[in-house]
Amino acid sequence: MESIKILVVDDHALMRDGIRALLVSQDDIGIVGEASDGNEAIEKARELMPDVIVMDVAMPGMDGLEATRRLRKKNPTVKVLVLTQNDNKEYILSAIRAGADGYVPKRALGSELISAIRTVHRGDSFLYPSVAAVLIEDYLRQVEEEPYDQLTAREREILKLIVDGCTSREIAEKLFISFKTVLGHRTRIMEKLSIHNRTELIKYAMRKGLVSVDA
C-alpha cells in the first residue's frame, strides 16, 4: 500500500520531532520532509510533492496562512491540514479562506491528528469537534440576530400600522401618543431594519408576513 506523503511545517524542532515519532508507526503514512517556516514549506512542497502538508500557523517570516494561500494557488490538489495552538473563530475562518482542508488544535490527541490526515487525503474536510462547535455557535448567533427581533413591542405595532397605510398623525391618534413620539419610533424602526423609505418598509413587511402581497 502506497504511503500518504507528509510534509511537516513548524518552527519548533521539538514539535516536528513529536509528529514524526507519532507517524512513524503508521504503515499508510510517511514523512517525506520538514520545514521551519512558510518560505521553506513552499520550496519543500515543490521539491517533494507531498500529499498532505501539516502546517503550523504562527511562524517567523511567512506564516502558515500565507504559505497555505500560495501553496493552494500553485498546486490546488495539495491538501493542507492546519495544526495550531489557536482555535478562535478568526483563526479558523482565516485558515478556511486561505484554503486549508482541515483544522486541528495542538492539544488534540495523536490519534485525532492521524485521523485528520487520512480524512483530508481522501478529499474530505476535517474540523476538530471544538473547532466545528465554534463555527456552529457563530452561525447560530448570526441567524438569531434577525433585525426584526430587535424591535420593541411598540415599534412592531407602529410598523404594522405604517404598512397598513396609516400616516404618522393617524398612528399618533390610534395609539394615543404624540406625533413627535411616532416620528421617533419610525426613525428607530428604519435604523434597526436598515431601511430608508416606506416602500422598502412595505417590501420588508411582506417578506416577514406582516402584510399580505394583495394589501
Protein backbone atom coordinates (compact mmCIF):
# COMPACT_ATOMS: atom_id res chain seq x y z
CA MET A 1 0.00 0.00 0.00
CA GLU A 2 1.39 3.40 -1.01
CA SER A 3 2.01 5.74 1.93
CA ILE A 4 0.47 9.18 2.31
CA LYS A 5 3.40 11.55 1.84
CA ILE A 6 3.56 14.16 4.60
CA LEU A 7 5.42 17.46 4.81
CA VAL A 8 5.57 18.80 8.39
CA VAL A 9 5.85 22.58 8.76
CA ASP A 10 6.53 24.01 12.22
CA ASP A 11 9.15 26.43 13.54
CA HIS A 12 9.72 24.27 16.66
CA ALA A 13 12.01 21.29 16.08
CA LEU A 14 10.55 19.58 19.14
CA MET A 15 7.07 19.73 17.61
CA ARG A 16 8.32 18.33 14.30
CA ASP A 17 10.10 15.52 16.15
CA GLY A 18 6.92 14.73 18.05
CA ILE A 19 4.86 14.48 14.88
CA ARG A 20 7.50 12.31 13.23
CA ALA A 21 7.57 9.97 16.25
CA LEU A 22 3.77 9.76 16.13
CA LEU A 23 3.54 8.97 12.42
CA VAL A 24 6.49 6.61 12.05
CA SER A 25 4.42 3.67 13.27
CA GLN A 26 1.69 4.20 10.67
CA ASP A 27 2.00 1.88 7.68
CA ASP A 28 -0.01 4.16 5.41
CA ILE A 29 1.67 7.46 6.36
CA GLY A 30 5.26 8.56 5.77
CA ILE A 31 7.03 11.90 6.38
CA VAL A 32 8.96 12.98 3.27
CA GLY A 33 10.25 16.29 4.63
CA GLU A 34 10.15 19.08 7.18
CA ALA A 35 10.16 22.89 7.04
CA SER A 36 10.50 25.56 9.70
CA ASP A 37 8.66 28.47 8.02
CA GLY A 38 6.33 29.32 5.17
CA ASN A 39 9.02 30.06 2.60
CA GLU A 40 10.78 26.77 3.23
CA ALA A 41 7.41 24.98 3.10
CA ILE A 42 6.79 26.28 -0.42
CA GLU A 43 10.26 25.20 -1.56
CA LYS A 44 9.98 21.74 0.01
CA ALA A 45 6.47 21.25 -1.37
CA ARG A 46 7.74 21.94 -4.88
CA GLU A 47 10.66 19.54 -4.46
CA LEU A 48 8.94 16.70 -2.58
CA MET A 49 5.34 16.85 -3.90
CA PRO A 50 3.69 15.77 -0.60
CA ASP A 51 0.10 14.58 -0.46
CA VAL A 52 -0.67 16.37 2.81
CA ILE A 53 1.08 19.31 4.46
CA VAL A 54 0.70 19.56 8.24
CA MET A 55 1.00 23.32 8.67
CA ASP A 56 1.64 25.44 11.76
CA VAL A 57 0.23 28.98 11.62
CA ALA A 58 2.36 31.25 13.82
CA MET A 59 5.89 31.12 12.40
CA PRO A 60 8.60 33.75 11.82
CA GLY A 61 8.86 35.15 8.31
CA MET A 62 5.98 33.88 6.19
CA ASP A 63 3.26 32.46 8.41
CA GLY A 64 1.26 29.31 7.76
CA LEU A 65 -1.82 31.08 6.38
CA GLU A 66 0.09 32.96 3.69
CA ALA A 67 2.04 29.81 2.85
CA THR A 68 -1.24 27.91 2.52
CA ARG A 69 -2.66 30.53 0.15
CA ARG A 70 0.43 30.36 -2.06
CA LEU A 71 0.64 26.58 -1.98
CA ARG A 72 -3.01 26.13 -2.96
CA LYS A 73 -2.59 28.67 -5.76
CA LYS A 74 0.43 26.81 -7.16
CA ASN A 75 -0.99 23.32 -6.60
CA PRO A 76 -4.76 23.15 -5.93
CA THR A 77 -4.59 19.39 -5.36
CA VAL A 78 -2.24 19.54 -2.35
CA LYS A 79 -4.01 19.05 0.99
CA VAL A 80 -3.20 21.39 3.87
CA LEU A 81 -4.01 20.45 7.45
CA VAL A 82 -3.57 23.35 9.84
CA LEU A 83 -2.18 22.36 13.24
CA THR A 84 -2.07 25.27 15.65
CA GLN A 85 -2.39 26.45 19.25
CA ASN A 86 -5.24 28.78 18.34
CA ASP A 87 -8.84 27.73 17.87
CA ASN A 88 -10.69 31.04 17.98
CA LYS A 89 -13.14 31.98 15.25
CA GLU A 90 -10.84 34.46 13.48
CA TYR A 91 -8.01 31.94 13.10
CA ILE A 92 -10.39 29.22 11.94
CA LEU A 93 -12.08 31.37 9.30
CA SER A 94 -8.74 32.76 8.10
CA ALA A 95 -7.42 29.21 7.65
CA ILE A 96 -10.51 28.14 5.71
CA ARG A 97 -10.33 31.21 3.47
CA ALA A 98 -6.63 30.51 2.85
CA GLY A 99 -7.60 27.08 1.51
CA ALA A 100 -6.92 24.75 4.44
CA ASP A 101 -8.65 21.37 4.18
CA GLY A 102 -8.61 20.72 7.92
CA TYR A 103 -8.03 22.42 11.25
CA VAL A 104 -6.65 20.66 14.33
CA PRO A 105 -5.54 22.31 17.61
CA LYS A 106 -2.21 21.16 19.04
CA ARG A 107 -3.95 19.90 22.16
CA ALA A 108 -5.59 17.16 20.08
CA LEU A 109 -4.70 13.52 20.63
CA GLY A 110 -2.23 11.85 18.30
CA SER A 111 -4.95 9.51 17.05
CA GLU A 112 -7.05 12.54 16.09
CA LEU A 113 -4.22 14.04 14.05
CA ILE A 114 -3.75 10.72 12.25
CA SER A 115 -7.49 10.56 11.54
CA ALA A 116 -7.40 14.15 10.23
CA ILE A 117 -4.51 13.34 7.87
CA ARG A 118 -6.36 10.36 6.41
CA THR A 119 -9.58 12.37 6.11
CA VAL A 120 -8.12 15.27 4.13
CA HIS A 121 -6.03 12.90 1.99
CA ARG A 122 -9.15 11.16 0.72
CA GLY A 123 -10.63 14.50 -0.26
CA ASP A 124 -12.84 15.33 2.73
CA SER A 125 -12.60 18.27 5.12
CA PHE A 126 -11.72 17.82 8.77
CA LEU A 127 -12.70 20.12 11.63
CA TYR A 128 -11.79 19.18 15.17
CA PRO A 129 -15.02 18.96 17.27
CA SER A 130 -14.31 22.10 19.33
CA VAL A 131 -13.45 23.98 16.14
CA ALA A 132 -16.70 22.90 14.48
CA ALA A 133 -18.57 23.98 17.63
CA VAL A 134 -17.07 27.49 17.40
CA LEU A 135 -18.24 27.84 13.80
CA ILE A 136 -21.72 26.49 14.55
CA GLU A 137 -22.11 28.81 17.53
CA ASP A 138 -21.08 31.79 15.40
CA TYR A 139 -23.53 30.79 12.65
CA LEU A 140 -26.41 30.39 15.10
CA ARG A 141 -25.65 33.74 16.68
CA GLN A 142 -25.81 35.42 13.27
CA VAL A 143 -29.09 33.67 12.47
CA GLU A 144 -30.56 34.71 15.79
CA GLU A 145 -29.61 38.35 15.21
CA GLU A 146 -32.62 38.96 12.94
CA PRO A 147 -33.18 42.76 12.78
CA TYR A 148 -36.92 42.35 13.37
CA ASP A 149 -36.18 40.75 16.75
CA GLN A 150 -34.53 44.00 17.83
CA LEU A 151 -37.82 45.91 17.55
CA THR A 152 -39.76 46.61 20.73
CA ALA A 153 -43.45 45.66 21.00
CA ARG A 154 -44.42 49.30 20.40
CA GLU A 155 -42.14 49.55 17.35
CA ARG A 156 -43.68 46.40 15.87
CA GLU A 157 -47.13 47.85 16.45
CA ILE A 158 -46.19 51.06 14.68
CA LEU A 159 -44.52 49.15 11.85
CA LYS A 160 -47.76 47.24 11.26
CA LEU A 161 -49.75 50.49 11.15
CA ILE A 162 -47.26 52.07 8.75
CA VAL A 163 -47.52 49.22 6.27
CA ASP A 164 -51.31 49.28 6.68
CA GLY A 165 -51.14 52.77 5.19
CA CYS A 166 -51.58 54.92 8.29
CA THR A 167 -49.89 58.30 8.40
CA SER A 168 -47.81 59.30 11.41
CA ARG A 169 -50.63 61.58 12.66
CA GLU A 170 -53.17 58.75 12.31
CA ILE A 171 -50.85 56.42 14.23
CA ALA A 172 -50.49 59.01 16.97
CA GLU A 173 -54.27 59.26 17.30
CA LYS A 174 -54.79 55.49 17.27
CA LEU A 175 -52.15 54.83 19.94
CA PHE A 176 -52.84 57.99 21.99
CA ILE A 177 -49.25 59.17 21.73
CA SER A 178 -47.75 62.37 20.35
CA PHE A 179 -46.89 62.91 16.71
CA LYS A 180 -43.27 63.54 17.75
CA THR A 181 -43.16 60.18 19.57
CA VAL A 182 -44.39 58.39 16.43
CA LEU A 183 -41.68 60.06 14.37
CA GLY A 184 -39.07 58.96 16.91
CA HIS A 185 -40.29 55.35 16.79
CA ARG A 186 -40.38 55.46 13.00
CA THR A 187 -36.77 56.66 12.84
CA ARG A 188 -35.60 53.89 15.18
CA ILE A 189 -37.51 51.26 13.18
CA MET A 190 -35.81 52.41 9.98
CA GLU A 191 -32.38 52.37 11.65
CA LYS A 192 -32.80 48.91 13.17
CA LEU A 193 -34.01 47.42 9.89
CA SER A 194 -31.52 49.41 7.75
CA ILE A 195 -34.44 50.65 5.65
CA HIS A 196 -34.69 54.20 4.29
CA ASN A 197 -38.23 54.72 2.98
CA ARG A 198 -41.81 53.46 3.28
CA THR A 199 -41.64 51.43 0.06
CA GLU A 200 -38.71 49.40 1.36
CA LEU A 201 -40.52 49.06 4.67
CA ILE A 202 -43.59 47.56 2.99
CA LYS A 203 -41.44 45.13 0.98
CA TYR A 204 -39.73 44.07 4.20
CA ALA A 205 -43.08 43.61 5.93
CA MET A 206 -44.30 41.41 3.06
CA ARG A 207 -41.21 39.20 3.36
CA LYS A 208 -41.83 38.88 7.09
CA GLY A 209 -45.51 38.05 6.53
CA LEU A 210 -46.67 41.17 8.38
CA VAL A 211 -48.81 42.22 5.42
CA SER A 212 -50.26 40.24 2.52
CA VAL A 213 -48.99 40.69 -1.03
CA ASP A 214 -52.50 41.84 -2.05
CA ALA A 215 -52.57 44.56 0.59
